[in-house]
Every structure is written in C-alpha cells, then in structure tokens.
Amino acid sequence: MKYVCVSYDVLPLGVVTKKVAGNKVSVLRIPRLSNGYWTTAQVGLTSEGDEITVIAASCGDLTGVKNTWHPNSIDFLDLAPIPTPWSSTKRVQLVSHPSLKTNGTKAVMKLAKFAHGIPAIDRETEIYRHLEGSGIASQFLEHVTENRGSKAVGFLLEYIDPLNIPRGIFTDKAGEKCTEALRKLHKLKVAHNDANRSNCLIRQDGTAVLIDFDQATRGEGDFSQDFAVMKSKSWSPI
C-alpha cells in the first residue's frame, strides 16, 4: 500500500473539472508517480509556486496497530463498502463480506486513513479488548489489515440496527438504558469522554450499546462529566 499526501496549496492549481459518464467531476492532477519501492510521497508546489511536483518520498515502514489481541483479521481491500449517510468520511464505513456472520454479512469498519490516525485506533482497540464480553459495547469482530496482513490499520464491529427513535426525540426510557450502560462502563473503570446520546444505540430488543470509544480512557477518576453530557439535549441518531 502506498500513501500520497497533497499540500493544500496545490488545490487552486491542480483541480480540474472533467466529464465522466456525462457528469461533471473534480479531478486532482498530480505528477506521475513511479512504481518503484516507496511507501509515502508528498506532493506540493515548486519553489516558484507555478508547478506541481513530488517534494519527497520515503521507503520507511509505516506504523500499524500494536494491540492486535483478536485472533481474526481481514484485509480492507476484501471488504465491500455499503453507502450510508454516516460513512461519507470513509473513516467509519458500513461494509460487507461473505465471511461475516452478523446482521446479514454486514459490519462497521473503523479505519485509520493516515499514519497520524493509528494511535487513536490503537487506543480504541485496547478499550474494546477491555470491554470484551461486557455487553455494553458492539462486538469486536476482526482487525482490519492492509498489504495482506502486514499490519493492522483498523477494526470491524458488529453492525447494530438501532431501534428507530424519531429525530429530536430521546425518550426517558432510552435515556435510562443509556445511563445504565454508562454506569456499567464506569464500573469497569473506563471514562467514555464523549458520551453524547448519538453514541448510545438502542438495540431492537431494548438494550443499550455504547459506541465510539476513540476518546475513552481507563483508570480511576471523576466520571461525572460523562453523565452531564449524556443528559444534554443533543440527539442525532444514526
């Protein structure tokens, strides 16, 4: 796998509009990159600022997730993306694969798109290890790898089809379920640190599941902030 970082100052000079299948699309023009051995490249402008060029390239090994505790893994190129309103950033996507046995072969993939995102994925992977079997988090299914298993860059979680709660409404009963899940989380000495109501899903059977642990921390402490955020009026269900 190769990664290309493009400087923002390239955009005014490098973006062109083309017609593809009758539709206008924006395309970024960058220099042709060799097929040689390199892992990362930086594209920017020349010192004169009038030409796009490859500024630097590196052959160094890229860091992967260290906490590969789960026995299963899958290459992200083997996963088929399923379009959803909440997966536009490609960092969190709904995907499918015939080997998946949860919810009609569907799962939620969370991926570090760039090297700087690996530490957050690493921390969240460790949180899911700590919560394994607790029932208050989505089931951790597999590590997501690249280069056919050379390193882990993300993970798969069970896809939860949440109970349909109309936008702008968060019932007292749902709130109680989510607050109880939060209490269980704190008993395991984990602070969520982003416990808004969008990060609590109600399963079809009425049980609550907390999601999105990329800001979570382990240890003793004051968990009152989690409850304060949970009780706020913000609610934007997936």
C-alpha atoms as a PDB file:
ATOM      1  CA  MET A   1       0.000   0.000   0.000  1.00  0.00           C
ATOM      2  CA  LYS A   2       1.259   3.489  -0.872  1.00  0.00           C
ATOM      3  CA  TYR A   3       0.165   6.835   0.605  1.00  0.00           C
ATOM      4  CA  VAL A   4       0.266  10.254  -1.047  1.00  0.00           C
ATOM      5  CA  CYS A   5      -0.087  13.478   0.973  1.00  0.00           C
ATOM      6  CA  VAL A   6      -1.098  16.519  -1.080  1.00  0.00           C
ATOM      7  CA  SER A   7      -0.479  20.053   0.184  1.00  0.00           C
ATOM      8  CA  TYR A   8      -3.470  22.405   0.326  1.00  0.00           C
ATOM      9  CA  ASP A   9      -1.676  24.974  -1.849  1.00  0.00           C
ATOM     10  CA  VAL A  10      -1.856  22.507  -4.741  1.00  0.00           C
ATOM     11  CA  LEU A  11      -5.656  22.685  -4.950  1.00  0.00           C
ATOM     12  CA  PRO A  12      -6.071  26.002  -6.831  1.00  0.00           C
ATOM     13  CA  LEU A  13      -3.612  24.859  -9.484  1.00  0.00           C
ATOM     14  CA  GLY A  14      -4.286  21.144  -9.555  1.00  0.00           C
ATOM     15  CA  VAL A  15      -8.061  20.690  -9.545  1.00  0.00           C
ATOM     16  CA  VAL A  16      -9.692  20.426 -12.953  1.00  0.00           C
ATOM     17  CA  THR A  17     -13.267  19.592 -13.958  1.00  0.00           C
ATOM     18  CA  LYS A  18     -13.917  16.711 -16.311  1.00  0.00           C
ATOM     19  CA  LYS A  19     -16.951  14.928 -17.665  1.00  0.00           C
ATOM     20  CA  VAL A  20     -17.241  11.294 -16.631  1.00  0.00           C
ATOM     21  CA  ALA A  21     -20.232   9.324 -17.909  1.00  0.00           C
ATOM     22  CA  GLY A  22     -21.991  12.608 -18.612  1.00  0.00           C
ATOM     23  CA  ASN A  23     -21.387  14.006 -15.108  1.00  0.00           C
ATOM     24  CA  LYS A  24     -19.011  16.785 -14.109  1.00  0.00           C
ATOM     25  CA  VAL A  25     -16.421  15.630 -11.567  1.00  0.00           C
ATOM     26  CA  SER A  26     -13.452  17.378  -9.978  1.00  0.00           C
ATOM     27  CA  VAL A  27     -10.106  15.669 -10.545  1.00  0.00           C
ATOM     28  CA  LEU A  28      -6.803  16.454  -8.854  1.00  0.00           C
ATOM     29  CA  ARG A  29      -3.842  16.493 -11.250  1.00  0.00           C
ATOM     30  CA  ILE A  30      -0.630  15.249  -9.642  1.00  0.00           C
ATOM     31  CA  PRO A  31       2.679  14.179 -11.177  1.00  0.00           C
ATOM     32  CA  ARG A  32       3.035  10.607 -12.346  1.00  0.00           C
ATOM     33  CA  LEU A  33       4.487   8.529  -9.525  1.00  0.00           C
ATOM     34  CA  SER A  34       6.851   5.661 -10.194  1.00  0.00           C
ATOM     35  CA  ASN A  35       6.041   2.039  -9.472  1.00  0.00           C
ATOM     36  CA  GLY A  36       9.284   1.683  -7.554  1.00  0.00           C
ATOM     37  CA  TYR A  37       9.688   0.860  -3.875  1.00  0.00           C
ATOM     38  CA  TRP A  38       8.245   3.698  -1.829  1.00  0.00           C
ATOM     39  CA  THR A  39       5.552   3.897   0.822  1.00  0.00           C
ATOM     40  CA  THR A  40       4.788   7.620   1.252  1.00  0.00           C
ATOM     41  CA  ALA A  41       5.105  10.638  -1.027  1.00  0.00           C
ATOM     42  CA  GLN A  42       4.456  14.341  -0.525  1.00  0.00           C
ATOM     43  CA  VAL A  43       3.078  16.415  -3.397  1.00  0.00           C
ATOM     44  CA  GLY A  44       3.310  20.203  -3.374  1.00  0.00           C
ATOM     45  CA  LEU A  45       4.331  23.213  -5.432  1.00  0.00           C
ATOM     46  CA  THR A  46       7.783  24.080  -6.686  1.00  0.00           C
ATOM     47  CA  SER A  47       9.631  26.971  -5.030  1.00  0.00           C
ATOM     48  CA  GLU A  48       8.326  29.246  -7.782  1.00  0.00           C
ATOM     49  CA  GLY A  49       4.794  28.168  -6.920  1.00  0.00           C
ATOM     50  CA  ASP A  50       3.769  27.548 -10.513  1.00  0.00           C
ATOM     51  CA  GLU A  51       4.178  23.800 -10.900  1.00  0.00           C
ATOM     52  CA  ILE A  52       3.034  20.684  -9.024  1.00  0.00           C
ATOM     53  CA  THR A  53       5.836  18.310  -8.077  1.00  0.00           C
ATOM     54  CA  VAL A  54       6.798  15.435  -5.794  1.00  0.00           C
ATOM     55  CA  ILE A  55       8.550  17.116  -2.869  1.00  0.00           C
ATOM     56  CA  ALA A  56       9.668  13.999  -1.012  1.00  0.00           C
ATOM     57  CA  ALA A  57       9.263  10.233  -0.943  1.00  0.00           C
ATOM     58  CA  SER A  58      10.050   7.671   1.741  1.00  0.00           C
ATOM     59  CA  CYS A  59      10.634   3.926   1.850  1.00  0.00           C
ATOM     60  CA  GLY A  60      10.175   3.594   5.607  1.00  0.00           C
ATOM     61  CA  ASP A  61       7.855   1.056   7.191  1.00  0.00           C
ATOM     62  CA  LEU A  62       4.525   2.514   8.292  1.00  0.00           C
ATOM     63  CA  THR A  63       3.322   2.035  11.849  1.00  0.00           C
ATOM     64  CA  GLY A  64       0.368  -0.245  12.445  1.00  0.00           C
ATOM     65  CA  VAL A  65      -1.881  -1.020  15.403  1.00  0.00           C
ATOM     66  CA  LYS A  66       0.075  -2.700  18.213  1.00  0.00           C
ATOM     67  CA  ASN A  67      -2.861  -4.069  20.214  1.00  0.00           C
ATOM     68  CA  THR A  68      -3.748  -6.905  17.844  1.00  0.00           C
ATOM     69  CA  TRP A  69      -5.369  -9.016  20.542  1.00  0.00           C
ATOM     70  CA  HIS A  70      -8.179 -10.574  18.491  1.00  0.00           C
ATOM     71  CA  PRO A  71      -7.416 -13.829  16.621  1.00  0.00           C
ATOM     72  CA  ASN A  72      -9.288 -12.778  13.451  1.00  0.00           C
ATOM     73  CA  SER A  73      -8.252 -10.284  10.805  1.00  0.00           C
ATOM     74  CA  ILE A  74      -9.290  -9.320   7.274  1.00  0.00           C
ATOM     75  CA  ASP A  75      -7.705  -7.190   4.544  1.00  0.00           C
ATOM     76  CA  PHE A  76      -9.654  -3.995   3.924  1.00  0.00           C
ATOM     77  CA  LEU A  77      -9.480  -4.496   0.142  1.00  0.00           C
ATOM     78  CA  ASP A  78     -11.617  -7.617   0.613  1.00  0.00           C
ATOM     79  CA  LEU A  79     -14.443  -5.600   2.184  1.00  0.00           C
ATOM     80  CA  ALA A  80     -17.234  -4.149   0.055  1.00  0.00           C
ATOM     81  CA  PRO A  81     -18.416  -0.665   1.156  1.00  0.00           C
ATOM     82  CA  ILE A  82     -22.142  -0.056   1.582  1.00  0.00           C
ATOM     83  CA  PRO A  83     -23.166   3.608   1.082  1.00  0.00           C
ATOM     84  CA  THR A  84     -24.786   5.224   4.137  1.00  0.00           C
ATOM     85  CA  PRO A  85     -25.391   8.856   5.191  1.00  0.00           C
ATOM     86  CA  TRP A  86     -22.960   8.461   8.110  1.00  0.00           C
ATOM     87  CA  SER A  87     -19.994   6.958   6.242  1.00  0.00           C
ATOM     88  CA  SER A  88     -19.118   9.826   3.911  1.00  0.00           C
ATOM     89  CA  THR A  89     -15.702  10.417   5.517  1.00  0.00           C
ATOM     90  CA  LYS A  90     -14.630   6.806   4.819  1.00  0.00           C
ATOM     91  CA  ARG A  91     -13.082   6.669   8.297  1.00  0.00           C
ATOM     92  CA  VAL A  92     -16.179   4.859   9.537  1.00  0.00           C
ATOM     93  CA  GLN A  93     -17.973   2.764   6.937  1.00  0.00           C
ATOM     94  CA  LEU A  94     -20.603   0.090   6.679  1.00  0.00           C
ATOM     95  CA  VAL A  95     -19.059  -2.853   4.823  1.00  0.00           C
ATOM     96  CA  SER A  96     -19.924  -6.404   3.886  1.00  0.00           C
ATOM     97  CA  HIS A  97     -18.121  -9.692   3.317  1.00  0.00           C
ATOM     98  CA  PRO A  98     -19.477 -13.227   2.852  1.00  0.00           C
ATOM     99  CA  SER A  99     -17.474 -14.496   5.842  1.00  0.00           C
ATOM    100  CA  LEU A 100     -19.231 -12.130   8.258  1.00  0.00           C
ATOM    101  CA  LYS A 101     -21.937 -13.877  10.244  1.00  0.00           C
ATOM    102  CA  THR A 102     -23.510 -10.819  11.895  1.00  0.00           C
ATOM    103  CA  ASN A 103     -26.533  -8.922  10.622  1.00  0.00           C
ATOM    104  CA  GLY A 104     -26.614 -10.198   7.058  1.00  0.00           C
ATOM    105  CA  THR A 105     -22.818 -10.211   6.461  1.00  0.00           C
ATOM    106  CA  LYS A 106     -22.609  -6.500   7.370  1.00  0.00           C
ATOM    107  CA  ALA A 107     -20.204  -4.839   9.805  1.00  0.00           C
ATOM    108  CA  VAL A 108     -18.952  -1.383  10.747  1.00  0.00           C
ATOM    109  CA  MET A 109     -15.352  -0.679   9.782  1.00  0.00           C
ATOM    110  CA  LYS A 110     -13.290   1.967  11.542  1.00  0.00           C
ATOM    111  CA  LEU A 111     -10.046   2.781   9.772  1.00  0.00           C
ATOM    112  CA  ALA A 112      -7.002   4.987  10.216  1.00  0.00           C
ATOM    113  CA  LYS A 113      -6.766   6.660   6.815  1.00  0.00           C
ATOM    114  CA  PHE A 114      -3.323   8.114   7.564  1.00  0.00           C
ATOM    115  CA  ALA A 115      -0.422   7.294   9.885  1.00  0.00           C
ATOM    116  CA  HIS A 116      -1.383  10.015  12.381  1.00  0.00           C
ATOM    117  CA  GLY A 117      -4.691   8.217  12.972  1.00  0.00           C
ATOM    118  CA  ILE A 118      -3.064   4.966  14.125  1.00  0.00           C
ATOM    119  CA  PRO A 119      -2.609   5.948  17.826  1.00  0.00           C
ATOM    120  CA  ALA A 120      -6.355   6.666  18.207  1.00  0.00           C
ATOM    121  CA  ILE A 121      -7.279   3.340  16.571  1.00  0.00           C
ATOM    122  CA  ASP A 122      -4.714   1.624  18.807  1.00  0.00           C
ATOM    123  CA  ARG A 123      -6.265   3.127  21.951  1.00  0.00           C
ATOM    124  CA  GLU A 124      -9.807   2.274  20.888  1.00  0.00           C
ATOM    125  CA  THR A 125      -8.763  -1.291  20.006  1.00  0.00           C
ATOM    126  CA  GLU A 126      -7.412  -1.686  23.540  1.00  0.00           C
ATOM    127  CA  ILE A 127     -10.667  -0.330  25.018  1.00  0.00           C
ATOM    128  CA  TYR A 128     -12.665  -2.938  23.079  1.00  0.00           C
ATOM    129  CA  ARG A 129     -10.339  -5.644  24.418  1.00  0.00           C
ATOM    130  CA  HIS A 130     -11.068  -4.444  27.939  1.00  0.00           C
ATOM    131  CA  LEU A 131     -14.846  -4.395  27.271  1.00  0.00           C
ATOM    132  CA  GLU A 132     -14.970  -7.780  25.521  1.00  0.00           C
ATOM    133  CA  GLY A 133     -17.971  -9.740  26.783  1.00  0.00           C
ATOM    134  CA  SER A 134     -19.373  -6.856  28.852  1.00  0.00           C
ATOM    135  CA  GLY A 135     -22.472  -6.451  26.666  1.00  0.00           C
ATOM    136  CA  ILE A 136     -22.290  -2.646  26.734  1.00  0.00           C
ATOM    137  CA  ALA A 137     -20.230  -2.242  23.550  1.00  0.00           C
ATOM    138  CA  SER A 138     -20.510  -3.523  19.988  1.00  0.00           C
ATOM    139  CA  GLN A 139     -18.939  -6.921  19.440  1.00  0.00           C
ATOM    140  CA  PHE A 140     -15.366  -6.626  18.156  1.00  0.00           C
ATOM    141  CA  LEU A 141     -15.212  -8.903  15.096  1.00  0.00           C
ATOM    142  CA  GLU A 142     -11.796  -8.600  13.456  1.00  0.00           C
ATOM    143  CA  HIS A 143      -8.744  -6.437  12.967  1.00  0.00           C
ATOM    144  CA  VAL A 144      -8.621  -4.745   9.551  1.00  0.00           C
ATOM    145  CA  THR A 145      -5.248  -5.076   7.864  1.00  0.00           C
ATOM    146  CA  GLU A 146      -3.545  -3.861   4.716  1.00  0.00           C
ATOM    147  CA  ASN A 147      -0.883  -5.390   2.479  1.00  0.00           C
ATOM    148  CA  ARG A 148      -2.396  -8.816   3.123  1.00  0.00           C
ATOM    149  CA  GLY A 149      -1.908  -8.797   6.848  1.00  0.00           C
ATOM    150  CA  SER A 150       1.396  -6.922   7.106  1.00  0.00           C
ATOM    151  CA  LYS A 151      -0.128  -4.550   9.669  1.00  0.00           C
ATOM    152  CA  ALA A 152      -3.463  -3.676  11.277  1.00  0.00           C
ATOM    153  CA  VAL A 153      -4.936  -0.254  10.462  1.00  0.00           C
ATOM    154  CA  GLY A 154      -8.467  -0.564  11.841  1.00  0.00           C
ATOM    155  CA  PHE A 155     -11.151  -2.940  13.059  1.00  0.00           C
ATOM    156  CA  LEU A 156     -14.604  -4.360  12.343  1.00  0.00           C
ATOM    157  CA  LEU A 157     -17.518  -4.124  14.759  1.00  0.00           C
ATOM    158  CA  GLU A 158     -20.915  -5.767  14.618  1.00  0.00           C
ATOM    159  CA  TYR A 159     -23.484  -3.665  12.802  1.00  0.00           C
ATOM    160  CA  ILE A 160     -26.344  -2.745  15.117  1.00  0.00           C
ATOM    161  CA  ASP A 161     -29.690  -1.975  13.533  1.00  0.00           C
ATOM    162  CA  PRO A 162     -30.895   0.526  16.145  1.00  0.00           C
ATOM    163  CA  LEU A 163     -34.424   0.994  17.367  1.00  0.00           C
ATOM    164  CA  ASN A 164     -35.983   3.787  15.333  1.00  0.00           C
ATOM    165  CA  ILE A 165     -36.232   6.861  17.565  1.00  0.00           C
ATOM    166  CA  PRO A 166     -37.524   9.942  15.680  1.00  0.00           C
ATOM    167  CA  ARG A 167     -35.030  12.754  15.196  1.00  0.00           C
ATOM    168  CA  GLY A 168     -35.128  15.245  18.043  1.00  0.00           C
ATOM    169  CA  ILE A 169     -36.690  12.772  20.493  1.00  0.00           C
ATOM    170  CA  PHE A 170     -34.872  10.812  23.177  1.00  0.00           C
ATOM    171  CA  THR A 171     -37.347   9.042  25.442  1.00  0.00           C
ATOM    172  CA  ASP A 172     -36.935   8.790  29.204  1.00  0.00           C
ATOM    173  CA  LYS A 173     -36.757   5.011  28.912  1.00  0.00           C
ATOM    174  CA  ALA A 174     -33.987   5.158  26.288  1.00  0.00           C
ATOM    175  CA  GLY A 175     -32.146   7.669  28.441  1.00  0.00           C
ATOM    176  CA  GLU A 176     -32.353   5.331  31.435  1.00  0.00           C
ATOM    177  CA  LYS A 177     -30.987   2.445  29.380  1.00  0.00           C
ATOM    178  CA  CYS A 178     -28.038   4.525  28.135  1.00  0.00           C
ATOM    179  CA  THR A 179     -27.306   5.887  31.608  1.00  0.00           C
ATOM    180  CA  GLU A 180     -27.273   2.341  32.998  1.00  0.00           C
ATOM    181  CA  ALA A 181     -24.817   1.282  30.266  1.00  0.00           C
ATOM    182  CA  LEU A 182     -22.658   4.247  31.243  1.00  0.00           C
ATOM    183  CA  ARG A 183     -22.703   3.162  34.893  1.00  0.00           C
ATOM    184  CA  LYS A 184     -21.537  -0.306  33.861  1.00  0.00           C
ATOM    185  CA  LEU A 185     -18.761   1.278  31.805  1.00  0.00           C
ATOM    186  CA  HIS A 186     -17.575   3.267  34.820  1.00  0.00           C
ATOM    187  CA  LYS A 187     -17.587   0.131  36.997  1.00  0.00           C
ATOM    188  CA  LEU A 188     -15.029  -1.221  34.537  1.00  0.00           C
ATOM    189  CA  LYS A 189     -13.004   1.954  35.211  1.00  0.00           C
ATOM    190  CA  VAL A 190     -13.479   3.415  31.723  1.00  0.00           C
ATOM    191  CA  ALA A 191     -14.495   7.019  31.034  1.00  0.00           C
ATOM    192  CA  HIS A 192     -16.156   7.472  27.638  1.00  0.00           C
ATOM    193  CA  ASN A 193     -15.307  11.206  27.348  1.00  0.00           C
ATOM    194  CA  ASP A 194     -17.797  11.709  24.501  1.00  0.00           C
ATOM    195  CA  ALA A 195     -20.959  10.202  25.979  1.00  0.00           C
ATOM    196  CA  ASN A 196     -23.465  12.183  23.929  1.00  0.00           C
ATOM    197  CA  ARG A 197     -26.713  10.445  23.055  1.00  0.00           C
ATOM    198  CA  SER A 198     -25.607   9.799  19.476  1.00  0.00           C
ATOM    199  CA  ASN A 199     -23.008   7.439  20.916  1.00  0.00           C
ATOM    200  CA  CYS A 200     -25.611   5.236  22.553  1.00  0.00           C
ATOM    201  CA  LEU A 201     -27.695   2.917  20.378  1.00  0.00           C
ATOM    202  CA  ILE A 202     -30.809   1.060  21.477  1.00  0.00           C
ATOM    203  CA  ARG A 203     -30.989  -2.438  20.042  1.00  0.00           C
ATOM    204  CA  GLN A 204     -34.254  -3.848  18.740  1.00  0.00           C
ATOM    205  CA  ASP A 205     -34.544  -5.838  21.982  1.00  0.00           C
ATOM    206  CA  GLY A 206     -34.360  -2.613  24.020  1.00  0.00           C
ATOM    207  CA  THR A 207     -30.805  -2.992  25.376  1.00  0.00           C
ATOM    208  CA  ALA A 208     -28.349  -0.107  25.146  1.00  0.00           C
ATOM    209  CA  VAL A 209     -24.936  -0.226  23.496  1.00  0.00           C
ATOM    210  CA  LEU A 210     -22.249   2.465  23.741  1.00  0.00           C
ATOM    211  CA  ILE A 211     -20.161   3.210  20.645  1.00  0.00           C
ATOM    212  CA  ASP A 212     -17.263   5.407  19.530  1.00  0.00           C
ATOM    213  CA  PHE A 213     -14.555   4.936  22.173  1.00  0.00           C
ATOM    214  CA  ASP A 214     -11.772   6.848  20.409  1.00  0.00           C
ATOM    215  CA  GLN A 215     -11.636   9.390  23.250  1.00  0.00           C
ATOM    216  CA  ALA A 216     -12.162   6.876  26.069  1.00  0.00           C
ATOM    217  CA  THR A 217      -9.621   6.471  28.868  1.00  0.00           C
ATOM    218  CA  ARG A 218      -9.060   3.826  31.519  1.00  0.00           C
ATOM    219  CA  GLY A 219      -8.387   4.377  35.201  1.00  0.00           C
ATOM    220  CA  GLU A 220      -9.848   5.838  38.363  1.00  0.00           C
ATOM    221  CA  GLY A 221     -11.332   9.318  38.170  1.00  0.00           C
ATOM    222  CA  ASP A 222     -14.373  11.556  38.184  1.00  0.00           C
ATOM    223  CA  PHE A 223     -16.924  10.162  35.732  1.00  0.00           C
ATOM    224  CA  SER A 224     -19.500  12.909  36.336  1.00  0.00           C
ATOM    225  CA  GLN A 225     -18.753  14.624  33.011  1.00  0.00           C
ATOM    226  CA  ASP A 226     -19.984  11.552  31.117  1.00  0.00           C
ATOM    227  CA  PHE A 227     -23.362  11.772  32.870  1.00  0.00           C
ATOM    228  CA  ALA A 228     -23.570  15.527  32.236  1.00  0.00           C
ATOM    229  CA  VAL A 229     -23.019  15.033  28.513  1.00  0.00           C
ATOM    230  CA  MET A 230     -25.478  12.125  28.356  1.00  0.00           C
ATOM    231  CA  LYS A 231     -28.206  14.250  29.967  1.00  0.00           C
ATOM    232  CA  SER A 232     -27.765  17.091  27.469  1.00  0.00           C
ATOM    233  CA  LYS A 233     -30.407  17.615  24.789  1.00  0.00           C
ATOM    234  CA  SER A 234     -28.170  16.786  21.831  1.00  0.00           C
ATOM    235  CA  TRP A 235     -29.509  13.793  19.916  1.00  0.00           C
ATOM    236  CA  SER A 236     -28.723  12.791  16.366  1.00  0.00           C
ATOM    237  CA  PRO A 237     -29.403   9.087  15.856  1.00  0.00           C
ATOM    238  CA  ILE A 238     -27.538   7.149  13.175  1.00  0.00           C
END
